[in-house]
Protein backbone atom coordinates (compact mmCIF):
# COMPACT_ATOMS: atom_id res chain seq x y z
CA MET A 1 -48.32 129.28 -67.26
CA ALA A 2 -46.70 125.89 -66.86
CA ASP A 3 -43.46 125.12 -68.70
CA SER A 4 -43.50 121.53 -69.92
CA SER A 5 -39.70 121.49 -70.19
CA VAL A 6 -39.31 121.76 -66.39
CA GLU A 7 -40.26 118.76 -64.26
CA ILE A 8 -42.20 119.61 -61.11
CA ILE A 9 -41.46 117.23 -58.26
CA GLU A 10 -42.75 116.82 -54.72
CA GLY A 11 -41.55 119.58 -52.43
CA CYS A 12 -41.47 122.28 -55.10
CA ARG A 13 -43.01 125.63 -54.24
CA LEU A 14 -44.60 128.06 -56.65
CA PRO A 15 -47.60 130.43 -56.92
CA VAL A 16 -50.88 128.69 -57.77
CA LEU A 17 -54.07 130.29 -59.05
CA ARG A 18 -57.11 130.00 -56.78
CA LYS A 19 -60.33 131.87 -56.03
CA ASN A 20 -60.54 133.71 -52.71
CA GLN A 21 -63.66 134.27 -50.60
CA GLU A 22 -64.65 137.22 -52.79
CA ASN A 23 -64.34 134.95 -55.87
CA GLU A 24 -61.34 136.93 -57.04
CA ASP A 25 -58.19 135.43 -58.55
CA GLU A 26 -55.11 135.28 -56.36
CA TRP A 27 -51.73 133.58 -56.62
CA PRO A 28 -50.69 132.34 -53.15
CA LEU A 29 -47.50 130.35 -52.70
CA ALA A 30 -48.14 126.61 -52.55
CA GLU A 31 -46.14 123.44 -51.99
CA VAL A 32 -46.52 120.43 -54.26
CA LEU A 33 -47.22 117.38 -52.09
CA SER A 34 -47.86 114.82 -54.80
CA VAL A 35 -47.72 114.44 -58.57
CA ARG A 36 -50.11 112.24 -60.51
CA ASP A 37 -48.97 111.47 -64.07
CA LEU A 38 -52.11 110.92 -66.11
CA PRO A 39 -52.19 110.15 -69.87
CA ARG A 40 -53.52 113.54 -70.93
CA THR A 41 -52.16 115.96 -68.33
CA PRO A 42 -50.47 115.66 -64.94
CA LEU A 43 -52.21 116.70 -61.74
CA TYR A 44 -50.52 118.30 -58.75
CA TYR A 45 -51.75 118.09 -55.16
CA VAL A 46 -50.85 121.42 -53.54
CA HIS A 47 -50.94 122.87 -50.06
CA TYR A 48 -51.27 126.65 -49.94
CA ILE A 49 -48.62 127.97 -47.56
CA ASP A 50 -50.13 129.68 -44.49
CA PHE A 51 -53.63 128.53 -45.45
CA ASN A 52 -55.75 125.92 -43.71
CA LYS A 53 -55.16 122.40 -44.99
CA ARG A 54 -58.83 121.99 -45.81
CA LEU A 55 -58.17 124.14 -48.88
CA ASP A 56 -55.59 121.70 -50.31
CA GLU A 57 -56.55 120.41 -53.74
CA TRP A 58 -55.52 118.82 -57.03
CA VAL A 59 -54.69 121.41 -59.70
CA THR A 60 -53.90 121.32 -63.40
CA PRO A 61 -50.69 122.73 -64.94
CA ASP A 62 -52.43 125.84 -66.31
CA ARG A 63 -52.86 127.09 -62.72
CA LEU A 64 -49.14 127.04 -61.95
CA ASP A 65 -46.78 130.03 -62.22
CA MET A 66 -43.58 128.36 -63.40
CA LYS A 67 -41.65 131.66 -63.48
CA LYS A 68 -41.35 131.58 -59.68
CA LEU A 69 -40.74 127.85 -59.24
CA GLN A 70 -38.66 126.95 -56.16
CA PHE A 71 -37.08 123.51 -55.96
CA PRO A 72 -36.79 121.80 -52.57
CA LYS A 73 -33.47 122.25 -50.81
CA LYS A 74 -33.30 118.66 -49.66
CA GLU A 75 -33.45 115.66 -51.94
CA ALA A 76 -37.01 115.21 -53.09
CA ARG A 77 -38.96 112.05 -52.41
CA THR A 78 -39.03 109.65 -55.38
CA PRO A 79 -42.45 110.00 -57.01
CA PRO A 80 -44.61 106.96 -56.29
CA LYS A 81 -45.22 104.53 -59.07
CA ASN A 82 -48.13 105.52 -61.32
CA GLY A 83 -48.48 108.68 -59.25
CA LEU A 84 -50.58 106.83 -56.69
CA PRO A 85 -49.58 107.01 -53.03
CA GLY A 86 -49.38 103.80 -51.11
CA SER A 87 -48.59 101.55 -54.07
CA GLY A 88 -45.39 100.06 -52.68
CA PRO A 89 -45.10 97.33 -50.03
CA GLY A 90 -43.56 99.76 -47.52
CA SER A 91 -45.68 102.77 -48.39
CA PRO A 92 -46.44 105.49 -45.81
CA GLU A 93 -50.16 104.88 -46.16
CA ARG A 94 -49.83 101.26 -45.08
CA ASP A 95 -47.55 102.34 -42.26
CA VAL A 96 -50.23 104.79 -41.09
CA VAL A 97 -52.82 102.02 -40.97
CA ARG A 98 -50.45 99.79 -39.02
CA ARG A 99 -49.74 102.52 -36.49
CA ALA A 100 -53.36 103.58 -36.07
CA GLU A 101 -53.92 101.26 -33.14
CA SER A 102 -51.07 102.71 -31.12
CA VAL A 103 -51.94 106.38 -31.26
CA SER A 104 -54.36 108.27 -29.06
CA LEU A 105 -57.35 110.48 -29.63
CA ALA A 106 -56.50 114.17 -29.30
CA THR A 107 -57.99 117.46 -30.33
CA GLN A 108 -56.48 119.07 -33.39
CA ALA A 109 -53.73 121.63 -33.02
CA SER A 110 -54.02 125.23 -34.04
CA ALA A 111 -51.51 128.06 -34.27
CA ALA A 112 -54.18 130.72 -34.46
CA THR A 113 -54.24 131.59 -30.76
CA PRO A 114 -51.73 134.31 -29.88
CA VAL A 115 -52.04 133.84 -26.13
CA PRO A 116 -49.24 133.97 -23.57
CA SER A 117 -47.41 130.75 -22.82
CA LEU A 118 -47.90 128.65 -19.72
CA PRO A 119 -45.56 128.68 -16.76
CA SER A 120 -42.56 126.54 -17.65
CA SER A 121 -42.07 123.09 -16.24
CA ALA A 122 -39.92 120.12 -17.14
CA GLU A 123 -42.80 118.27 -18.75
CA GLU A 124 -44.12 121.25 -20.68
CA SER A 125 -40.71 122.35 -21.91
CA GLN A 126 -40.16 119.00 -23.59
CA ALA A 127 -43.54 118.76 -25.31
CA PRO A 128 -43.98 120.67 -28.63
CA VAL A 129 -47.47 121.93 -27.87
CA TYR A 130 -49.22 125.26 -28.16
CA PRO A 131 -50.02 127.35 -25.09
CA ALA A 132 -53.38 126.93 -23.45
CA LEU A 133 -55.66 129.85 -22.74
CA ARG A 134 -53.88 131.03 -19.66
CA ASP A 135 -52.10 134.28 -18.96
CA PRO A 136 -49.54 134.54 -16.15
CA SER A 137 -49.66 138.33 -16.42
CA PHE A 138 -53.01 138.18 -14.65
CA SER A 139 -52.37 136.02 -11.63
CA SER A 140 -55.10 133.58 -10.68
CA THR A 141 -54.15 133.11 -7.04
CA PRO A 142 -56.93 132.30 -4.58
CA ARG A 143 -56.77 135.82 -3.15
CA GLU A 144 -57.44 137.45 -6.52
CA GLN A 145 -59.99 134.90 -7.62
CA HIS A 146 -62.05 135.66 -4.55
CA GLN A 147 -61.53 139.42 -4.80
CA PRO A 148 -65.03 140.86 -5.42
CA LEU A 149 -65.80 142.94 -8.48
CA ALA A 150 -68.46 145.62 -8.04
CA ALA A 151 -70.75 146.66 -10.88
CA LEU A 152 -71.81 150.20 -11.72
CA THR A 153 -74.88 150.94 -13.79
CA THR A 154 -74.42 152.24 -17.31
CA ASN A 155 -72.80 155.65 -17.20
CA GLY A 156 -72.35 157.37 -20.50
CA SER A 157 -71.03 154.70 -22.81
CA THR A 158 -69.75 152.16 -20.30
CA ARG A 159 -70.78 149.83 -17.52
CA ARG A 160 -68.15 149.28 -14.87
CA LEU A 161 -67.46 146.52 -12.41
CA ILE A 162 -65.07 147.83 -9.76
CA PRO A 163 -63.53 145.90 -6.87
CA PRO A 164 -63.92 147.91 -3.65
CA GLN A 165 -60.38 147.12 -2.46
CA PRO A 166 -57.33 148.09 -4.52
CA GLY A 167 -54.88 145.35 -5.33
CA ARG A 168 -51.31 145.22 -6.52
CA LYS A 169 -50.76 147.34 -9.61
CA ARG A 170 -50.92 145.45 -12.88
CA LYS A 171 -50.73 146.27 -16.52
CA THR A 172 -53.89 146.57 -18.56
CA CYS A 173 -54.96 143.08 -19.56
CA GLY A 174 -56.71 141.86 -22.66
CA GLY A 175 -55.63 140.94 -26.13
CA THR A 176 -57.08 140.29 -29.55
CA ASP A 177 -56.69 137.43 -31.97
CA GLU A 178 -54.86 138.97 -34.87
CA ASP A 179 -55.80 136.08 -37.15
CA SER A 180 -59.54 136.56 -36.66
CA GLN A 181 -62.20 139.07 -37.50
CA ASP A 182 -64.51 140.42 -34.85
CA SER A 183 -68.26 139.90 -35.03
CA SER A 184 -71.04 141.83 -33.36
CA ASP A 185 -70.73 139.93 -30.09
CA GLY A 186 -67.02 140.59 -29.72
CA ILE A 187 -65.73 137.29 -31.08
CA PRO A 188 -64.43 136.14 -34.46
CA SER A 189 -67.32 135.48 -36.83
CA ALA A 190 -65.56 132.82 -38.92
CA PRO A 191 -62.20 131.08 -39.16
CA ARG A 192 -59.74 133.04 -41.18
CA MET A 193 -59.10 131.31 -44.48
CA THR A 194 -56.06 133.40 -45.37
CA GLY A 195 -53.74 132.61 -42.48
CA SER A 196 -52.05 129.66 -40.88
CA LEU A 197 -54.56 127.91 -38.68
CA VAL A 198 -52.60 124.72 -38.12
CA SER A 199 -49.10 124.04 -36.93
CA ASP A 200 -46.32 123.07 -39.29
CA ARG A 201 -46.12 119.31 -39.38
CA SER A 202 -43.81 118.80 -42.32
CA HIS A 203 -42.35 115.76 -40.56
CA ASP A 204 -45.62 113.87 -41.03
CA ASP A 205 -45.94 111.17 -43.65
CA ILE A 206 -46.80 112.69 -46.98
CA VAL A 207 -49.93 110.53 -47.23
CA THR A 208 -51.44 111.88 -44.03
CA ARG A 209 -51.10 115.42 -45.42
CA MET A 210 -53.36 114.62 -48.38
CA LYS A 211 -57.10 114.15 -48.54
CA ASN A 212 -57.67 110.53 -49.46
CA ILE A 213 -61.47 110.47 -49.79
CA ASP A 214 -63.36 112.43 -52.42
CA CYS A 215 -66.90 112.21 -51.07
CA ILE A 216 -68.87 110.61 -48.23
CA GLU A 217 -72.58 109.88 -48.43
CA LEU A 218 -74.17 109.96 -44.97
CA GLY A 219 -77.94 109.68 -45.05
CA ARG A 220 -79.34 112.51 -47.15
CA HIS A 221 -76.05 114.43 -47.13
CA ARG A 222 -72.95 114.19 -49.27
CA LEU A 223 -69.88 115.49 -47.48
CA LYS A 224 -66.56 116.64 -48.93
CA PRO A 225 -63.85 115.65 -46.42
CA TRP A 226 -61.37 118.30 -45.36
CA TYR A 227 -58.50 116.10 -44.21
CA PHE A 228 -56.99 112.62 -44.33
CA SER A 229 -58.71 109.77 -42.52
CA PRO A 230 -57.28 106.22 -42.42
CA TYR A 231 -60.24 104.34 -43.82
CA PRO A 232 -59.24 101.00 -45.42
CA GLN A 233 -57.04 101.62 -48.43
CA GLU A 234 -59.27 99.69 -50.80
CA LEU A 235 -62.10 102.18 -50.11
CA THR A 236 -60.18 105.43 -50.50
CA GLY A 237 -59.99 105.23 -54.29
CA LEU A 238 -63.77 105.06 -54.68
CA PRO A 239 -65.63 108.12 -55.96
CA ILE A 240 -68.08 107.89 -53.02
CA LEU A 241 -67.72 106.22 -49.64
CA TYR A 242 -71.09 105.20 -48.21
CA LEU A 243 -71.82 105.27 -44.47
CA CYS A 244 -74.82 103.96 -42.58
CA GLU A 245 -76.03 107.06 -40.77
CA TYR A 246 -77.16 105.01 -37.75
CA CYS A 247 -74.25 102.64 -37.03
CA LEU A 248 -71.68 104.55 -39.17
CA LYS A 249 -70.47 101.36 -40.85
CA TYR A 250 -68.58 102.15 -44.07
CA LEU A 251 -69.50 100.40 -47.33
CA LYS A 252 -68.12 100.53 -50.86
CA SER A 253 -71.31 100.92 -52.89
CA LEU A 254 -74.90 102.06 -52.73
CA LYS A 255 -76.06 98.48 -53.28
CA CYS A 256 -74.06 97.32 -50.27
CA LEU A 257 -75.54 100.16 -48.20
CA GLN A 258 -79.10 99.26 -49.21
CA ARG A 259 -78.48 95.61 -48.34
CA HIS A 260 -76.97 96.66 -45.00
CA LEU A 261 -79.95 98.87 -44.12
CA THR A 262 -82.31 95.91 -44.44
CA LYS A 263 -80.32 94.18 -41.68
CA CYS A 264 -79.31 97.15 -39.49
CA ASN A 265 -81.67 97.39 -36.53
CA LEU A 266 -80.40 100.74 -35.28
CA ARG A 267 -82.35 103.92 -35.88
CA HIS A 268 -80.37 105.92 -33.34
CA PRO A 269 -76.84 105.81 -31.91
CA PRO A 270 -76.26 102.93 -29.50
CA GLY A 271 -76.24 103.80 -25.82
CA ASN A 272 -78.56 105.70 -23.51
CA GLU A 273 -80.62 108.72 -24.52
CA ILE A 274 -79.90 111.17 -21.71
CA TYR A 275 -81.48 114.33 -23.13
CA ARG A 276 -84.45 115.23 -25.31
CA LYS A 277 -86.13 118.49 -26.12
CA GLY A 278 -88.19 118.85 -29.25
CA THR A 279 -86.35 117.07 -32.05
CA ILE A 280 -82.91 117.30 -30.38
CA SER A 281 -81.59 114.29 -28.46
CA PHE A 282 -78.25 113.38 -26.91
CA PHE A 283 -77.02 109.80 -26.57
CA GLU A 284 -74.23 108.70 -24.23
CA ILE A 285 -72.03 106.00 -25.77
CA ASP A 286 -69.46 104.07 -23.74
CA GLY A 287 -66.30 103.56 -25.78
CA ARG A 288 -65.80 100.15 -24.17
CA LYS A 289 -69.33 98.79 -24.60
CA ASN A 290 -69.79 100.15 -28.14
CA LYS A 291 -66.27 99.93 -29.51
CA THR A 292 -67.12 99.47 -33.21
CA TYR A 293 -69.48 102.44 -33.30
CA SER A 294 -66.96 104.60 -31.42
CA GLN A 295 -64.17 103.68 -33.84
CA ASN A 296 -66.39 104.43 -36.85
CA LEU A 297 -67.32 107.77 -35.30
CA CYS A 298 -63.62 108.62 -34.90
CA LEU A 299 -62.93 107.71 -38.54
CA LEU A 300 -65.72 110.03 -39.68
CA ALA A 301 -64.59 112.83 -37.36
CA LYS A 302 -61.00 112.58 -38.62
CA CYS A 303 -62.22 113.71 -42.06
CA PHE A 304 -63.01 117.12 -40.53
CA LEU A 305 -60.49 117.43 -37.69
CA ASP A 306 -56.86 117.92 -38.60
CA HIS A 307 -54.07 116.73 -36.28
CA LYS A 308 -56.49 114.47 -34.43
CA THR A 309 -55.07 110.98 -34.51
CA LEU A 310 -57.36 107.99 -34.26
CA TYR A 311 -57.71 106.05 -31.06
CA TYR A 312 -58.74 102.48 -31.75
CA ASP A 313 -58.69 101.77 -28.01
CA THR A 314 -61.81 103.78 -27.21
CA ASP A 315 -62.32 102.24 -23.76
CA PRO A 316 -61.23 105.34 -21.78
CA PHE A 317 -63.72 107.63 -23.55
CA LEU A 318 -67.38 108.52 -23.46
CA PHE A 319 -69.04 109.85 -26.62
CA TYR A 320 -72.03 112.19 -26.54
CA VAL A 321 -73.79 112.21 -29.91
CA MET A 322 -76.34 114.91 -30.74
CA THR A 323 -79.12 113.92 -33.14
CA GLU A 324 -82.15 115.38 -34.88
CA TYR A 325 -85.27 113.22 -34.93
CA ASP A 326 -87.73 112.74 -37.77
CA SER A 327 -90.03 109.94 -38.94
CA LYS A 328 -87.07 107.91 -40.26
CA GLY A 329 -84.98 107.99 -37.09
CA PHE A 330 -82.34 109.94 -35.19
CA HIS A 331 -79.83 111.60 -37.55
CA ILE A 332 -76.35 112.48 -36.28
CA VAL A 333 -75.62 116.23 -36.12
CA GLY A 334 -72.38 116.27 -34.13
CA TYR A 335 -70.67 114.87 -31.07
CA PHE A 336 -68.11 115.44 -28.39
CA SER A 337 -66.00 112.95 -26.49
CA LYS A 338 -64.56 113.13 -23.01
CA GLU A 339 -62.26 111.02 -20.90
CA LYS A 340 -63.88 108.94 -18.20
CA GLU A 341 -61.12 110.09 -15.87
CA SER A 342 -59.33 113.38 -16.54
CA THR A 343 -56.62 114.70 -14.27
CA GLU A 344 -56.70 118.05 -16.13
CA ASP A 345 -60.42 118.74 -15.58
CA TYR A 346 -61.12 118.28 -19.29
CA ASN A 347 -64.84 117.96 -19.98
CA VAL A 348 -64.30 117.66 -23.75
CA ALA A 349 -61.59 115.80 -25.68
CA CYS A 350 -62.89 116.18 -29.24
CA ILE A 351 -65.89 118.14 -30.49
CA LEU A 352 -67.34 118.32 -33.98
CA THR A 353 -70.42 119.58 -35.75
CA LEU A 354 -70.79 117.94 -39.15
CA PRO A 355 -70.49 120.44 -42.04
CA PRO A 356 -74.19 120.35 -43.11
CA TYR A 357 -75.15 121.56 -39.62
CA GLN A 358 -72.43 124.16 -39.05
CA ARG A 359 -73.21 127.86 -38.50
CA ARG A 360 -76.69 126.98 -37.23
CA GLY A 361 -76.05 127.10 -33.47
CA TYR A 362 -75.41 123.39 -32.98
CA GLY A 363 -71.76 123.86 -32.03
CA LYS A 364 -72.65 126.17 -29.19
CA LEU A 365 -75.38 123.71 -28.14
CA LEU A 366 -72.80 120.92 -27.90
CA ILE A 367 -70.57 123.13 -25.75
CA GLU A 368 -73.48 124.17 -23.53
CA PHE A 369 -74.41 120.52 -23.05
CA SER A 370 -70.86 119.63 -21.99
CA TYR A 371 -71.02 122.28 -19.28
CA GLU A 372 -74.47 121.09 -18.17
CA LEU A 373 -72.91 117.69 -17.54
CA SER A 374 -70.13 119.38 -15.55
CA LYS A 375 -72.75 121.18 -13.46
CA VAL A 376 -74.43 117.86 -12.61
CA GLU A 377 -71.03 116.41 -11.75
CA GLY A 378 -70.33 119.41 -9.50
CA LYS A 379 -67.11 120.26 -11.35
CA THR A 380 -65.63 123.02 -13.45
CA GLY A 381 -64.46 121.90 -16.85
CA THR A 382 -62.42 123.03 -19.83
CA PRO A 383 -61.88 121.66 -23.33
CA GLU A 384 -58.67 119.83 -24.05
CA LYS A 385 -56.06 122.26 -25.34
CA PRO A 386 -55.02 123.28 -27.88
CA LEU A 387 -58.29 123.96 -29.66
CA SER A 388 -58.91 123.76 -33.37
CA ASP A 389 -59.68 126.96 -35.28
CA LEU A 390 -63.42 126.25 -35.39
CA GLY A 391 -63.39 124.97 -31.81
CA LEU A 392 -61.66 128.13 -30.61
CA LEU A 393 -64.26 130.31 -32.32
CA SER A 394 -67.16 128.37 -30.83
CA TYR A 395 -65.73 128.29 -27.31
CA ARG A 396 -64.83 131.97 -27.29
CA SER A 397 -68.34 132.82 -28.41
CA TYR A 398 -69.90 130.57 -25.75
CA TRP A 399 -67.65 131.85 -22.95
CA THR A 400 -68.30 135.44 -23.99
CA GLN A 401 -72.07 135.11 -24.04
CA THR A 402 -72.20 133.09 -20.82
CA ILE A 403 -70.01 135.47 -18.81
CA LEU A 404 -71.61 138.66 -20.16
CA GLU A 405 -75.03 137.23 -19.37
CA ILE A 406 -74.02 136.97 -15.71
CA LEU A 407 -72.33 140.37 -15.52
CA MET A 408 -75.23 142.21 -17.14
CA ASN A 409 -77.78 140.59 -14.82
CA LEU A 410 -76.00 141.62 -11.61
CA LYS A 411 -78.31 143.52 -9.27
CA PRO A 412 -77.26 146.10 -6.65
CA GLU A 413 -77.74 145.04 -3.04
CA ASN A 414 -78.70 147.48 -0.26
CA GLY A 415 -77.97 150.41 -2.52
CA GLU A 416 -74.36 149.29 -3.01
CA ARG A 417 -72.64 148.16 -6.14
CA PRO A 418 -73.11 144.42 -6.79
CA GLN A 419 -70.03 142.28 -6.32
CA ILE A 420 -68.93 139.04 -7.90
CA THR A 421 -65.66 137.12 -7.94
CA ILE A 422 -63.93 135.10 -10.61
CA ASN A 423 -64.54 131.99 -8.50
CA GLU A 424 -68.26 132.74 -8.30
CA ILE A 425 -68.51 133.14 -12.07
CA SER A 426 -66.68 129.85 -12.45
CA GLU A 427 -68.97 128.06 -10.00
CA ILE A 428 -72.16 129.38 -11.60
CA THR A 429 -71.12 128.48 -15.15
CA SER A 430 -68.83 125.47 -14.49
CA VAL A 431 -66.31 127.24 -16.76
CA LYS A 432 -62.77 126.85 -15.43
CA LYS A 433 -61.26 129.98 -13.87
CA GLU A 434 -58.48 130.22 -16.45
CA ASP A 435 -61.06 130.33 -19.25
CA VAL A 436 -63.08 133.01 -17.45
CA ILE A 437 -59.95 135.16 -17.08
CA SER A 438 -58.76 134.59 -20.64
CA THR A 439 -62.19 135.56 -22.00
CA LEU A 440 -62.26 138.81 -20.03
CA GLN A 441 -58.76 139.55 -21.28
CA TYR A 442 -59.59 138.67 -24.88
CA LEU A 443 -62.54 141.08 -24.79
CA ASN A 444 -60.21 143.70 -23.29
CA LEU A 445 -62.53 144.18 -20.31
CA ILE A 446 -60.00 143.98 -17.46
CA ASN A 447 -58.24 147.28 -16.78
CA TYR A 448 -56.43 148.82 -13.86
CA TYR A 449 -57.53 152.31 -12.85
CA LYS A 450 -56.58 154.32 -9.75
CA GLY A 451 -55.62 151.29 -7.70
CA GLN A 452 -58.63 149.22 -8.65
CA TYR A 453 -59.52 146.50 -11.14
CA ILE A 454 -62.24 147.67 -13.50
CA LEU A 455 -64.32 145.63 -15.91
CA THR A 456 -65.55 148.03 -18.55
CA LEU A 457 -68.44 146.94 -20.75
CA SER A 458 -68.69 149.30 -23.68
CA GLU A 459 -71.99 149.95 -25.38
CA ASP A 460 -70.71 148.06 -28.42
CA ILE A 461 -70.07 144.96 -26.31
CA VAL A 462 -73.48 145.23 -24.61
CA GLU A 463 -75.40 145.80 -27.83
CA GLY A 464 -73.46 143.07 -29.63
CA HIS A 465 -74.22 140.64 -26.82
CA GLU A 466 -77.92 141.46 -26.88
CA ARG A 467 -78.06 140.93 -30.65
CA ALA A 468 -76.20 137.63 -30.36
CA MET A 469 -78.53 136.35 -27.64
CA GLN A 470 -81.58 137.21 -29.74
CA LYS A 471 -80.23 134.99 -32.51
CA ARG A 472 -79.39 132.13 -30.15
CA HIS A 473 -82.58 130.11 -30.32
CA LEU A 474 -81.14 126.71 -29.44
CA ARG A 475 -80.55 126.30 -25.71
CA ILE A 476 -80.18 123.34 -23.37
CA ASP A 477 -83.11 122.87 -20.98
CA SER A 478 -81.77 121.27 -17.82
CA LYS A 479 -85.21 119.75 -17.18
CA GLY A 480 -84.75 117.52 -20.21
CA LEU A 481 -81.44 116.11 -18.93
CA HIS A 482 -81.55 112.68 -17.28
CA PHE A 483 -77.95 112.03 -16.37
CA THR A 484 -76.36 110.31 -13.39
CA PRO A 485 -72.57 110.75 -13.25
CA LYS A 486 -70.44 107.71 -12.50
CA ASP A 487 -67.30 107.60 -10.39
CA TRP A 488 -65.04 105.86 -12.88
CA SER A 489 -62.15 105.71 -10.42
CA LYS A 490 -64.11 103.10 -8.47
CA ARG A 491 -65.14 101.01 -11.46
CA GLY A 492 -61.88 99.16 -12.11
CA LYS A 493 -60.91 99.16 -15.78
CA TRP A 494 -63.96 101.26 -16.74
C-alpha cells in the first residue's frame, strides 16, 4: 500500500500492518523512527503508538498504509547517511556511550499503573515521575495501621475481617488496573500488549529508542533483545552478539567465545553463594569488588528493561544472581540489585528474569528471596518505584498471595473473631505498609460498612488463591539461606 512517489521521513505517522496476539491482521498507528535506504527496497523502523516498545520492528513498504500518512509538525531530523544511525562524528549513539558513565541505575518507568498520586512536596512536584503505590484516600497513620481487623468464618459467599471498633467514615477503597486482565488469583495474568506500558520519552535520542542488537547467544539460549543497550558500537551491527554465560563478557564471534571459554575459570557468578536448594542457587555480588561482572550484567539487563539507564559506577549496589545448576556449571536465570544504603527502604532497585525462564515462577522466587533478606535484616522493604509492566505484575501477584495466605490462616482466639493489623501483616511479611494497603485496595477488599472497616474475601478470590498456590511449586526455604547482613553505613565508602 506504499506510494513510491511520497518520501517517508523520520517522524511520520501512519497505520502499519502487524499480527496481534490472536494472529489476526491489524493496522495500528505507528511512528517512523528511522529509514534505511537499501538497494532493493527501503526499510522503516516503526514504533506502534500506545504499544510497548518491545514490539518495535523494521518493516517493508508493503506493510504501510500511505493513504493515512501524517507528516511531522516540526522539522524532521535529516536522515543519517546510508540510513545507518551513528555514522557521523557527533552522532547520538556516540553521545549515549560517552554519557553512559554519568547516569545511574534505575528501574524502568511504566504508565500502566492507574494509582492515586503521592502527597505533594517540593521535591516530588519538580520530578517527572509516576506515582508510587500509595493512596492518600486510605490514611496510613499509626492509629489506623494498628487498628485490629477481625476475621469471620466463611458465611455464604464471603469471608469477612471486621475491626471491632468503628473508625472515621471513609469511602469504599480499592481499584483495578484498567490496562490489565485479571487472572484466577485476582491479578493480571500477562502484560497488556495493546496499551501504553511505558511513558512518553520522545525527548530521548532517536538511537536509544531503537533496538540495536539483533540476537544474543548466552549459553544454550539465543535471546532477541527488546530494547536498546549501549554495547560497543562495533558489536551492534553483528548478526549475533556472543556472551560468556559465566562472566558475561561480550565477544564478536563464536570462535572468540570458544577461545575465551578455554581461559575463563568461572563456572558460576563471582561472589558468595548465600542460598542453595536443589538446583537453585543465589550468589551475592558486590558491585565494588566485581565491577566488570556487574557492568556486564547491567548491559545484558538493559536489553530487556526499558528506561533503565546504565550505571557504570556499580559500587553502591549489591547484585543477587539466581542460577540453575547442572553438570556444566551454574547458569544465570535472573537477578535483582539493591542499594547498599537506601533511605527509602528499597530492597530492590532492578529485577529481571531472562526471557527463556519467564512465566515459570522464577520472577516470584526472586521477589520472595528479596523479602527473605529483608526479614533477616529486620526491615520492611519495597521495590524502587515506578515498576516496569512485568515487575508490577509479578509484585502484585506476590503481594496478593502472601497477604491472602496470612488472612486465610487466621484462627479465632477464645471464641472471638481473630484480629490482625496492617502493621502486623507488614512485620510478618516484611512488605512495606503502603504495599499491603495498595494490594488490599487493588483487590477491592477494603470496604466501609456500618461504621466498621470490612475486608471481604469473595469465594472467587479464595478459590483463585488456592489454585494459584497449588501451581506455585518454587518457594524459598529459609533453612537454605546463609546470609549475614552488613551495616554499610559503618563501612566507609562501601
